[in-house]
Amino acid sequence: MIKSAELENSAYEFEAKMPLRHAVPLGLQHVFAMFVGNLTPLLIITSACGLVGGEFADLQVSLLQNAMFVAGIVTLVQLYGLGPVGGKVPIIMGTSSGFLGVFNSVAATMGGGVTAYGAMMGASILGGLFESVLGVFLKPLRKLFPPVVTGTVVLSIGLSLISVGVNSFGGGNAAKDFGSVENLLLAVFVLVVILFFKHWTKGFLSSSSILVGIIAGYLAAIVMGFVLPTTGVTADGVEFTKAWVLNWNKVAEASWFAIPKLVPVKIVFDLRAILPVMIMFIVTAVETVGDISGVMEGGMGREATDKELSGGIICDGLGSTVAACFGVLPNTSFSQNVGLVAMTKVVNRGALATGAVFLMLCGLIPKLGALISIMPQAVLGGAAVMMFSSIVVSGIQLITKEKMTPRTLTIVSVALGVGYGMGANASILANTPQFVQLICGESGIVPAAFVAILLNCLLPRDEK
């Protein structure tokens, strides 16, 4: 019999045992935090390739199903390890949005269609193998990633996600009623519920505050008419039916059981896709170093080891290769969940594994996935703004782990001011070569990491 004190502590220990009735809700928090983000990149790229509706409707549904199934499998490998594959760290894996810029460019260059999408998958297969090799040789490269560099990368990840959280807070950019009073009230309600359960309750309820807030927000959305037949009025006075009403059809039309299909599209190897995607996998490896460093510092109060970083990057690479075989975009560590770990401190492997199993079930039971996918963005936004800000705090903790010196201040200041600032305002790169825009124009993470690594190598060391 597990005592209540032991149960409370087990949530904050990676390898501790935890009863399923407590592990499942803690795992579901992670699924809710990343579910929509796991599917969105696929929706964007299939649309860019013209694989939407008509003869491609079944293909898109199959790809979305595969995305959930693969994310669950790769997460389990990351949590438990399979030889050198997997860092055995509290990381949730999912479809990366970092490749959207490159893949959109590939779609435009190759004219879209199934051939272009197949070329993306071929490039992802090779790119994933390439990243795995980088992971194997990470140890000699580790000197490039001291706390000041990894902390700057983690800080950049958090800063880049805050705008994503705020957009969700307003209902999502795609919503016709974005920024409406109803969306803002719903998001604030979720945030208040999370804060109450996080700081005015103890034990299990405190640990699962995110899940409680999201469930409460979902119920509130129903009461407010977000998921029932209702209309709204745009700023121009045009009446419209709220989008979430139409999405209930997804639940009704989704089947109860379906087996994921291997290689749903023909794999194509084309240099026009391979070269830019290879570069992005180097970028992904840097981001993964930041994510793992952030989750270990924020959730477990220590730096990540060489073995954990190496295994995590290898899992990123091979996971992306496997994902491509299922027609899914590259699978990488999910920064949203890094923020969740940093905020709740829940790092129990068993709890996170239940979330991975739930993702696999969503892949096998499409109706279950459809039910979660129609959740209003404002509900997730109420939780996201706090989770993403927690990543920023984790980055600051990493940077300040060592004594702040003029050298450290220079690295962080220039990396954030020039690197992150330039990437976050992509218009400044409009006249640079296309490959620079593809790598640096999607977020400030990559240029900030590059500047931090460069300055760390060039600036003279502080005298001890």
Protein backbone atom coordinates (compact mmCIF):
# COMPACT_ATOMS: atom_id res chain seq x y z
CA MET A 1 0.00 0.00 0.00
CA ILE A 2 1.51 3.35 -1.03
CA LYS A 3 1.19 6.03 1.64
CA SER A 4 -0.06 9.48 0.66
CA ALA A 5 3.32 11.14 1.36
CA GLU A 6 5.08 8.56 -0.82
CA LEU A 7 2.45 9.04 -3.52
CA GLU A 8 2.98 12.80 -3.50
CA ASN A 9 6.77 12.42 -3.75
CA SER A 10 6.57 9.79 -6.49
CA ALA A 11 5.21 12.40 -8.91
CA TYR A 12 8.49 14.28 -8.61
CA GLU A 13 10.76 11.25 -9.02
CA PHE A 14 11.50 9.91 -12.50
CA GLU A 15 11.65 6.18 -11.74
CA ALA A 16 9.22 6.00 -8.78
CA LYS A 17 6.19 3.69 -9.02
CA MET A 18 2.75 5.28 -9.15
CA PRO A 19 -0.75 3.70 -9.24
CA LEU A 20 -2.52 3.99 -12.60
CA ARG A 21 -5.43 5.94 -11.12
CA HIS A 22 -2.99 8.75 -10.32
CA ALA A 23 -0.60 8.30 -13.27
CA VAL A 24 -3.30 8.54 -15.95
CA PRO A 25 -4.54 12.08 -15.14
CA LEU A 26 -0.95 13.36 -14.88
CA GLY A 27 -0.17 11.80 -18.25
CA LEU A 28 -3.31 13.25 -19.84
CA GLN A 29 -2.10 16.74 -18.94
CA HIS A 30 0.76 16.27 -21.36
CA VAL A 31 -1.52 14.95 -24.10
CA PHE A 32 -3.86 17.94 -23.83
CA ALA A 33 -0.88 20.34 -23.86
CA MET A 34 0.48 19.00 -27.17
CA PHE A 35 -2.44 17.37 -28.97
CA VAL A 36 -3.42 20.21 -31.29
CA GLY A 37 0.23 21.17 -31.89
CA ASN A 38 0.97 17.58 -32.87
CA LEU A 39 -1.63 17.66 -35.66
CA THR A 40 -1.39 21.25 -36.91
CA PRO A 41 1.89 20.90 -38.90
CA LEU A 42 0.42 18.02 -40.90
CA LEU A 43 -2.71 20.02 -41.70
CA ILE A 44 -0.58 22.94 -42.91
CA ILE A 45 1.77 20.87 -45.11
CA THR A 46 -0.90 18.64 -46.64
CA SER A 47 -2.78 21.82 -47.52
CA ALA A 48 0.39 23.33 -49.06
CA CYS A 49 0.74 20.19 -51.19
CA GLY A 50 -2.92 20.26 -52.19
CA LEU A 51 -3.67 16.95 -50.45
CA VAL A 52 -6.99 18.14 -49.04
CA GLY A 53 -10.53 16.94 -49.70
CA GLY A 54 -11.82 14.84 -52.56
CA GLU A 55 -9.59 11.88 -53.37
CA PHE A 56 -7.11 12.94 -50.65
CA ALA A 57 -9.59 13.14 -47.74
CA ASP A 58 -8.88 9.58 -46.57
CA LEU A 59 -5.11 10.14 -46.91
CA GLN A 60 -5.19 13.20 -44.65
CA VAL A 61 -7.23 11.35 -42.00
CA SER A 62 -4.76 8.46 -42.17
CA LEU A 63 -1.79 10.80 -41.73
CA LEU A 64 -3.37 12.49 -38.71
CA GLN A 65 -4.05 9.08 -37.18
CA ASN A 66 -0.45 8.04 -37.79
CA ALA A 67 0.85 11.26 -36.21
CA MET A 68 -0.74 10.38 -32.87
CA PHE A 69 0.31 6.73 -33.00
CA VAL A 70 3.95 7.52 -33.87
CA ALA A 71 4.20 10.26 -31.22
CA GLY A 72 3.16 7.72 -28.57
CA ILE A 73 5.70 5.11 -29.70
CA VAL A 74 8.63 7.55 -29.96
CA THR A 75 7.77 9.04 -26.55
CA LEU A 76 7.96 5.59 -24.93
CA VAL A 77 11.39 5.02 -26.50
CA GLN A 78 12.55 8.42 -25.22
CA LEU A 79 11.28 7.63 -21.71
CA TYR A 80 12.57 4.06 -21.34
CA GLY A 81 15.40 3.85 -23.88
CA LEU A 82 16.19 1.14 -26.37
CA GLY A 83 19.93 0.57 -26.21
CA PRO A 84 21.60 3.89 -27.07
CA VAL A 85 18.30 5.25 -28.43
CA GLY A 86 16.39 7.40 -25.95
CA GLY A 87 17.70 9.69 -23.24
CA LYS A 88 15.50 8.25 -20.46
CA VAL A 89 14.33 11.78 -19.73
CA PRO A 90 10.82 13.20 -19.02
CA ILE A 91 10.23 14.38 -22.58
CA ILE A 92 7.11 14.09 -24.73
CA MET A 93 7.74 13.67 -28.46
CA GLY A 94 5.56 14.97 -31.27
CA THR A 95 5.33 16.33 -34.82
CA SER A 96 7.74 19.24 -35.20
CA SER A 97 6.54 22.64 -36.42
CA GLY A 98 10.15 23.76 -36.94
CA PHE A 99 10.22 22.21 -40.43
CA LEU A 100 7.19 24.14 -41.71
CA GLY A 101 9.25 26.81 -43.47
CA VAL A 102 11.47 24.29 -45.27
CA PHE A 103 8.60 22.01 -46.24
CA ASN A 104 6.48 24.90 -47.52
CA SER A 105 9.43 25.91 -49.70
CA VAL A 106 9.82 22.33 -50.97
CA ALA A 107 6.10 22.21 -51.82
CA ALA A 108 6.40 25.45 -53.79
CA THR A 109 9.61 24.34 -55.57
CA MET A 110 8.25 20.93 -56.57
CA GLY A 111 4.75 22.09 -57.41
CA GLY A 112 3.02 20.29 -54.55
CA GLY A 113 1.12 17.04 -54.94
CA VAL A 114 1.89 13.55 -53.66
CA THR A 115 5.37 13.64 -55.25
CA ALA A 116 6.42 16.71 -53.25
CA TYR A 117 5.03 15.21 -50.03
CA GLY A 118 6.86 11.94 -50.78
CA ALA A 119 10.09 13.94 -51.29
CA MET A 120 9.63 15.48 -47.84
CA MET A 121 9.31 12.01 -46.37
CA GLY A 122 12.42 10.79 -48.22
CA ALA A 123 14.40 13.79 -46.98
CA SER A 124 13.12 13.18 -43.43
CA ILE A 125 14.26 9.56 -43.53
CA LEU A 126 17.82 10.59 -44.46
CA GLY A 127 17.78 13.65 -42.19
CA GLY A 128 16.69 11.59 -39.21
CA LEU A 129 19.57 9.16 -39.75
CA PHE A 130 21.94 12.13 -40.04
CA GLU A 131 20.73 13.59 -36.72
CA SER A 132 21.21 10.18 -35.07
CA VAL A 133 24.87 10.23 -36.15
CA LEU A 134 25.21 13.70 -34.60
CA GLY A 135 23.81 12.26 -31.37
CA VAL A 136 26.39 9.46 -31.33
CA PHE A 137 29.23 12.01 -31.54
CA LEU A 138 27.66 14.50 -29.13
CA LYS A 139 30.19 14.01 -26.32
CA PRO A 140 33.14 15.70 -28.11
CA LEU A 141 30.72 18.47 -29.15
CA ARG A 142 29.39 18.98 -25.61
CA LYS A 143 31.97 21.68 -24.88
CA LEU A 144 30.02 23.85 -27.32
CA PHE A 145 27.02 23.73 -24.97
CA PRO A 146 27.97 25.05 -21.50
CA PRO A 147 25.12 26.35 -19.25
CA VAL A 148 25.33 29.86 -20.72
CA VAL A 149 24.67 28.48 -24.24
CA THR A 150 22.00 25.91 -23.34
CA GLY A 151 20.36 28.43 -21.03
CA THR A 152 20.21 30.98 -23.84
CA VAL A 153 18.67 28.36 -26.17
CA VAL A 154 16.08 27.37 -23.54
CA LEU A 155 15.32 31.05 -22.88
CA SER A 156 14.85 31.60 -26.64
CA ILE A 157 12.52 28.60 -26.87
CA GLY A 158 10.37 30.02 -24.08
CA LEU A 159 10.29 33.51 -25.59
CA SER A 160 9.32 32.12 -29.01
CA LEU A 161 6.44 30.14 -27.48
CA ILE A 162 4.92 32.97 -25.43
CA SER A 163 3.38 34.53 -28.56
CA VAL A 164 1.95 31.10 -29.45
CA GLY A 165 0.37 30.88 -26.00
CA VAL A 166 -1.06 34.39 -26.24
CA ASN A 167 -2.55 33.61 -29.67
CA SER A 168 -4.27 30.57 -28.20
CA PHE A 169 -5.37 32.73 -25.26
CA GLY A 170 -7.32 34.85 -27.75
CA GLY A 171 -8.88 31.81 -29.42
CA GLY A 172 -6.28 31.07 -32.10
CA ASN A 173 -5.38 33.18 -35.13
CA ALA A 174 -7.68 31.15 -37.37
CA ALA A 175 -10.74 31.92 -35.23
CA LYS A 176 -13.13 34.51 -36.68
CA ASP A 177 -13.84 35.71 -33.13
CA PHE A 178 -10.13 35.97 -32.21
CA GLY A 179 -9.65 38.20 -29.18
CA SER A 180 -13.37 38.27 -28.36
CA VAL A 181 -14.46 38.85 -24.77
CA GLU A 182 -15.77 35.26 -24.62
CA ASN A 183 -12.39 33.82 -25.62
CA LEU A 184 -10.50 35.99 -23.15
CA LEU A 185 -12.89 35.19 -20.29
CA LEU A 186 -12.64 31.47 -21.05
CA ALA A 187 -8.83 31.57 -21.05
CA VAL A 188 -8.71 33.64 -17.84
CA PHE A 189 -11.11 31.18 -16.19
CA VAL A 190 -8.80 28.27 -17.07
CA LEU A 191 -5.77 30.16 -15.74
CA VAL A 192 -7.53 31.02 -12.47
CA VAL A 193 -8.60 27.39 -11.94
CA ILE A 194 -5.02 26.22 -12.56
CA LEU A 195 -3.60 28.76 -10.11
CA PHE A 196 -6.15 27.82 -7.46
CA PHE A 197 -5.48 24.08 -7.65
CA LYS A 198 -1.72 24.61 -7.98
CA HIS A 199 -1.29 26.78 -4.90
CA TRP A 200 -4.36 26.25 -2.69
CA THR A 201 -4.49 22.45 -2.80
CA LYS A 202 -1.93 19.77 -2.04
CA GLY A 203 -0.76 16.41 -3.35
CA PHE A 204 -2.47 14.92 -6.38
CA LEU A 205 -4.81 17.86 -7.08
CA SER A 206 -1.92 20.30 -7.03
CA SER A 207 0.17 18.11 -9.36
CA SER A 208 -2.68 17.72 -11.86
CA SER A 209 -3.73 21.38 -11.79
CA ILE A 210 -3.26 21.75 -15.58
CA LEU A 211 -5.62 18.84 -16.32
CA VAL A 212 -8.22 20.15 -13.85
CA GLY A 213 -8.04 23.58 -15.46
CA ILE A 214 -8.42 22.22 -18.99
CA ILE A 215 -11.38 19.98 -18.07
CA ALA A 216 -13.05 22.88 -16.24
CA GLY A 217 -12.41 25.08 -19.27
CA TYR A 218 -13.89 22.50 -21.66
CA LEU A 219 -17.05 22.31 -19.54
CA ALA A 220 -17.20 26.10 -19.35
CA ALA A 221 -16.86 26.28 -23.14
CA ILE A 222 -19.93 24.07 -23.50
CA VAL A 223 -21.90 26.29 -21.11
CA MET A 224 -20.74 29.40 -22.99
CA GLY A 225 -21.87 27.90 -26.30
CA PHE A 226 -18.47 27.26 -27.87
CA VAL A 227 -19.34 23.68 -28.77
CA LEU A 228 -23.10 24.01 -29.21
CA PRO A 229 -25.01 25.59 -32.12
CA THR A 230 -24.50 29.35 -31.78
CA THR A 231 -23.53 32.34 -33.87
CA GLY A 232 -21.19 35.27 -33.46
CA VAL A 233 -20.59 38.65 -35.10
CA THR A 234 -17.25 39.78 -36.54
CA ALA A 235 -15.81 43.28 -36.08
CA ASP A 236 -17.38 44.16 -39.44
CA GLY A 237 -20.82 43.15 -38.24
CA VAL A 238 -20.98 39.92 -40.26
CA GLU A 239 -22.80 37.07 -38.53
CA PHE A 240 -21.13 33.64 -38.60
CA THR A 241 -21.48 30.17 -37.11
CA LYS A 242 -18.70 29.48 -34.63
CA ALA A 243 -16.14 27.07 -36.07
CA TRP A 244 -16.22 24.64 -33.16
CA VAL A 245 -19.83 23.74 -33.92
CA LEU A 246 -18.86 22.37 -37.31
CA ASN A 247 -16.03 20.37 -35.77
CA TRP A 248 -18.46 18.14 -33.87
CA ASN A 249 -18.88 16.39 -37.21
CA LYS A 250 -15.30 15.16 -36.80
CA VAL A 251 -16.36 13.13 -33.76
CA ALA A 252 -19.47 11.74 -35.43
CA GLU A 253 -17.66 10.78 -38.63
CA ALA A 254 -14.51 9.35 -37.02
CA SER A 255 -14.37 5.55 -36.84
CA TRP A 256 -14.04 3.63 -33.56
CA PHE A 257 -11.01 1.59 -34.60
CA ALA A 258 -8.43 1.77 -37.39
CA ILE A 259 -4.91 0.35 -37.80
CA PRO A 260 -2.23 2.91 -38.84
CA LYS A 261 -0.96 2.39 -42.39
CA LEU A 262 2.77 2.05 -43.07
CA VAL A 263 4.11 4.08 -46.05
CA PRO A 264 0.78 5.73 -47.03
CA VAL A 265 2.61 7.74 -49.74
CA LYS A 266 5.38 6.78 -52.17
CA ILE A 267 8.80 7.77 -50.78
CA VAL A 268 10.82 10.01 -53.14
CA PHE A 269 14.49 11.03 -52.78
CA ASP A 270 15.09 14.46 -54.33
CA LEU A 271 18.05 16.78 -53.62
CA ARG A 272 15.74 19.81 -53.73
CA ALA A 273 14.20 18.51 -50.51
CA ILE A 274 17.15 16.64 -48.98
CA LEU A 275 19.66 19.51 -48.71
CA PRO A 276 17.50 22.08 -46.85
CA VAL A 277 15.96 19.38 -44.63
CA MET A 278 19.45 18.14 -43.63
CA ILE A 279 20.31 21.63 -42.40
CA MET A 280 17.09 21.77 -40.39
CA PHE A 281 17.98 18.51 -38.64
CA ILE A 282 21.16 20.17 -37.34
CA VAL A 283 18.95 22.96 -36.01
CA THR A 284 16.62 20.39 -34.46
CA ALA A 285 19.54 18.77 -32.63
CA VAL A 286 20.41 22.14 -31.08
CA GLU A 287 16.79 22.69 -30.02
CA THR A 288 16.64 19.20 -28.52
CA VAL A 289 19.75 19.96 -26.46
CA GLY A 290 17.89 23.04 -25.20
CA ASP A 291 14.67 21.13 -24.47
CA ILE A 292 16.40 18.34 -22.57
CA SER A 293 18.53 20.84 -20.65
CA GLY A 294 15.41 22.81 -19.80
CA VAL A 295 13.38 19.83 -18.63
CA MET A 296 16.22 18.47 -16.49
CA GLU A 297 16.92 21.86 -14.91
CA GLY A 298 13.27 22.84 -14.52
CA GLY A 299 11.92 19.44 -13.50
CA MET A 300 14.81 17.68 -11.77
CA GLY A 301 17.05 20.53 -10.66
CA ARG A 302 20.24 19.38 -12.39
CA GLU A 303 22.07 19.55 -15.70
CA ALA A 304 21.53 16.88 -18.35
CA THR A 305 24.33 14.34 -18.73
CA ASP A 306 26.17 13.54 -21.97
CA LYS A 307 24.39 10.17 -22.13
CA GLU A 308 20.95 11.75 -21.73
CA LEU A 309 21.60 14.37 -24.41
CA SER A 310 23.13 11.84 -26.80
CA GLY A 311 20.31 9.33 -26.35
CA GLY A 312 17.71 12.08 -26.69
CA ILE A 313 19.13 13.35 -29.98
CA ILE A 314 19.47 9.81 -31.38
CA CYS A 315 15.81 9.19 -30.46
CA ASP A 316 14.88 12.47 -32.18
CA GLY A 317 16.63 11.33 -35.35
CA LEU A 318 15.47 7.72 -35.53
CA GLY A 319 12.01 8.75 -34.37
CA SER A 320 11.81 11.15 -37.31
CA THR A 321 12.92 8.40 -39.69
CA VAL A 322 10.23 6.05 -38.36
CA ALA A 323 7.65 8.85 -38.53
CA ALA A 324 8.49 9.45 -42.21
CA CYS A 325 7.86 5.76 -42.94
CA PHE A 326 4.32 6.38 -41.64
CA GLY A 327 4.00 9.52 -43.77
CA VAL A 328 4.37 11.80 -40.72
CA LEU A 329 6.57 14.90 -40.40
CA PRO A 330 9.72 14.69 -38.19
CA ASN A 331 9.13 13.86 -34.52
CA THR A 332 11.09 15.93 -32.00
CA SER A 333 10.95 16.90 -28.34
CA PHE A 334 7.89 19.07 -27.65
CA SER A 335 8.79 22.40 -26.03
CA GLN A 336 5.20 22.86 -24.78
CA ASN A 337 5.63 19.88 -22.51
CA VAL A 338 9.00 21.13 -21.29
CA GLY A 339 7.07 24.10 -19.91
CA LEU A 340 4.53 21.79 -18.29
CA VAL A 341 7.29 19.84 -16.51
CA ALA A 342 9.02 23.05 -15.44
CA MET A 343 5.79 24.37 -13.95
CA THR A 344 4.41 21.26 -12.23
CA LYS A 345 7.75 19.50 -11.50
CA VAL A 346 5.98 16.21 -12.33
CA VAL A 347 8.66 14.05 -13.98
CA ASN A 348 7.37 10.56 -13.12
CA ARG A 349 8.14 8.26 -16.06
CA GLY A 350 5.09 6.08 -15.48
CA ALA A 351 2.78 9.10 -15.57
CA LEU A 352 4.27 10.39 -18.81
CA ALA A 353 4.14 6.88 -20.28
CA THR A 354 0.37 6.75 -19.72
CA GLY A 355 0.13 9.89 -21.85
CA ALA A 356 2.17 8.16 -24.57
CA VAL A 357 -0.14 5.12 -24.45
CA PHE A 358 -3.15 7.43 -24.69
CA LEU A 359 -1.64 8.99 -27.85
CA MET A 360 -1.27 5.51 -29.33
CA LEU A 361 -4.91 4.76 -28.46
CA CYS A 362 -5.93 7.98 -30.23
CA GLY A 363 -4.13 6.60 -33.27
CA LEU A 364 -6.05 3.32 -32.97
CA ILE A 365 -9.36 4.93 -31.96
CA PRO A 366 -9.80 8.00 -34.19
CA LYS A 367 -13.04 9.02 -32.44
CA LEU A 368 -11.10 9.56 -29.20
CA GLY A 369 -8.58 11.78 -30.95
CA ALA A 370 -11.34 13.74 -32.69
CA LEU A 371 -12.99 14.50 -29.34
CA ILE A 372 -9.81 16.13 -28.03
CA SER A 373 -8.90 17.86 -31.28
CA ILE A 374 -12.09 20.00 -31.26
CA MET A 375 -11.23 21.60 -27.91
CA PRO A 376 -11.42 25.42 -28.19
CA GLN A 377 -7.97 27.03 -28.45
CA ALA A 378 -8.79 29.48 -25.67
CA VAL A 379 -8.97 26.57 -23.21
CA LEU A 380 -5.42 25.53 -24.09
CA GLY A 381 -4.33 29.18 -24.13
CA GLY A 382 -5.25 29.63 -20.48
CA ALA A 383 -2.74 26.92 -19.59
CA ALA A 384 -0.17 27.68 -22.30
CA VAL A 385 0.73 31.24 -21.25
CA MET A 386 1.86 29.99 -17.86
CA MET A 387 3.59 26.84 -19.14
CA PHE A 388 5.58 28.67 -21.81
CA SER A 389 6.67 31.37 -19.39
CA SER A 390 8.00 28.58 -17.15
CA ILE A 391 10.44 27.66 -19.94
CA VAL A 392 11.81 31.21 -19.83
CA VAL A 393 12.38 30.83 -16.09
CA SER A 394 14.17 27.50 -16.65
CA GLY A 395 16.48 29.23 -19.14
CA ILE A 396 17.29 31.95 -16.61
CA GLN A 397 18.03 29.28 -13.99
CA LEU A 398 20.48 27.58 -16.36
CA ILE A 399 22.24 30.84 -17.23
CA THR A 400 22.58 31.89 -13.60
CA LYS A 401 23.75 28.45 -12.46
CA GLU A 402 27.28 29.83 -12.66
CA LYS A 403 28.47 33.25 -11.51
CA MET A 404 27.42 36.00 -13.90
CA THR A 405 30.50 37.63 -15.43
CA PRO A 406 30.95 40.31 -18.11
CA ARG A 407 31.63 37.48 -20.61
CA THR A 408 28.40 35.67 -19.71
CA LEU A 409 26.37 38.87 -19.88
CA THR A 410 27.83 39.65 -23.31
CA ILE A 411 26.98 36.19 -24.69
CA VAL A 412 23.39 36.28 -23.44
CA SER A 413 22.80 39.93 -24.38
CA VAL A 414 24.11 39.66 -27.94
CA ALA A 415 22.52 36.24 -28.56
CA LEU A 416 19.09 37.50 -27.48
CA GLY A 417 19.40 41.03 -28.89
CA VAL A 418 20.87 40.19 -32.29
CA GLY A 419 20.16 36.47 -32.68
CA TYR A 420 16.68 36.09 -31.19
CA GLY A 421 15.64 39.62 -32.18
CA MET A 422 16.59 39.03 -35.82
CA GLY A 423 14.82 35.67 -36.03
CA ALA A 424 11.70 36.97 -34.30
CA ASN A 425 11.46 39.80 -36.88
CA ALA A 426 11.94 37.79 -40.06
CA SER A 427 11.33 40.77 -42.38
CA ILE A 428 14.87 41.96 -41.64
CA LEU A 429 16.14 38.85 -43.46
CA ALA A 430 14.12 39.51 -46.64
CA ASN A 431 17.22 40.28 -48.73
CA THR A 432 19.38 37.42 -47.46
CA PRO A 433 19.85 34.08 -49.33
CA GLN A 434 16.84 31.77 -49.17
CA PHE A 435 18.57 29.13 -47.04
CA VAL A 436 19.26 31.79 -44.38
CA GLN A 437 15.58 32.77 -44.36
CA LEU A 438 14.49 29.13 -44.09
CA ILE A 439 16.77 28.43 -41.12
CA CYS A 440 16.56 31.73 -39.24
CA GLY A 441 13.24 33.19 -40.33
CA GLU A 442 10.82 30.85 -38.55
CA SER A 443 11.81 31.73 -34.97
CA GLY A 444 14.60 33.34 -33.00
CA ILE A 445 15.83 30.05 -31.55
CA VAL A 446 18.30 29.12 -34.27
CA PRO A 447 20.09 32.48 -34.70
CA ALA A 448 20.22 32.93 -30.92
CA ALA A 449 21.83 29.49 -30.54
CA PHE A 450 24.29 30.20 -33.35
CA VAL A 451 25.37 33.55 -31.87
CA ALA A 452 25.68 32.07 -28.36
CA ILE A 453 27.84 29.16 -29.61
CA LEU A 454 30.00 31.47 -31.73
CA LEU A 455 30.63 33.98 -28.92
CA ASN A 456 31.32 31.20 -26.42
CA CYS A 457 34.10 29.94 -28.75
CA LEU A 458 35.55 33.36 -29.62
CA LEU A 459 35.42 35.45 -26.44
CA PRO A 460 38.38 35.09 -24.04
CA ARG A 461 37.69 33.04 -20.93
CA ASP A 462 37.32 34.74 -17.56
CA GLU A 463 40.38 34.53 -15.36
CA LYS A 464 39.76 32.23 -12.39
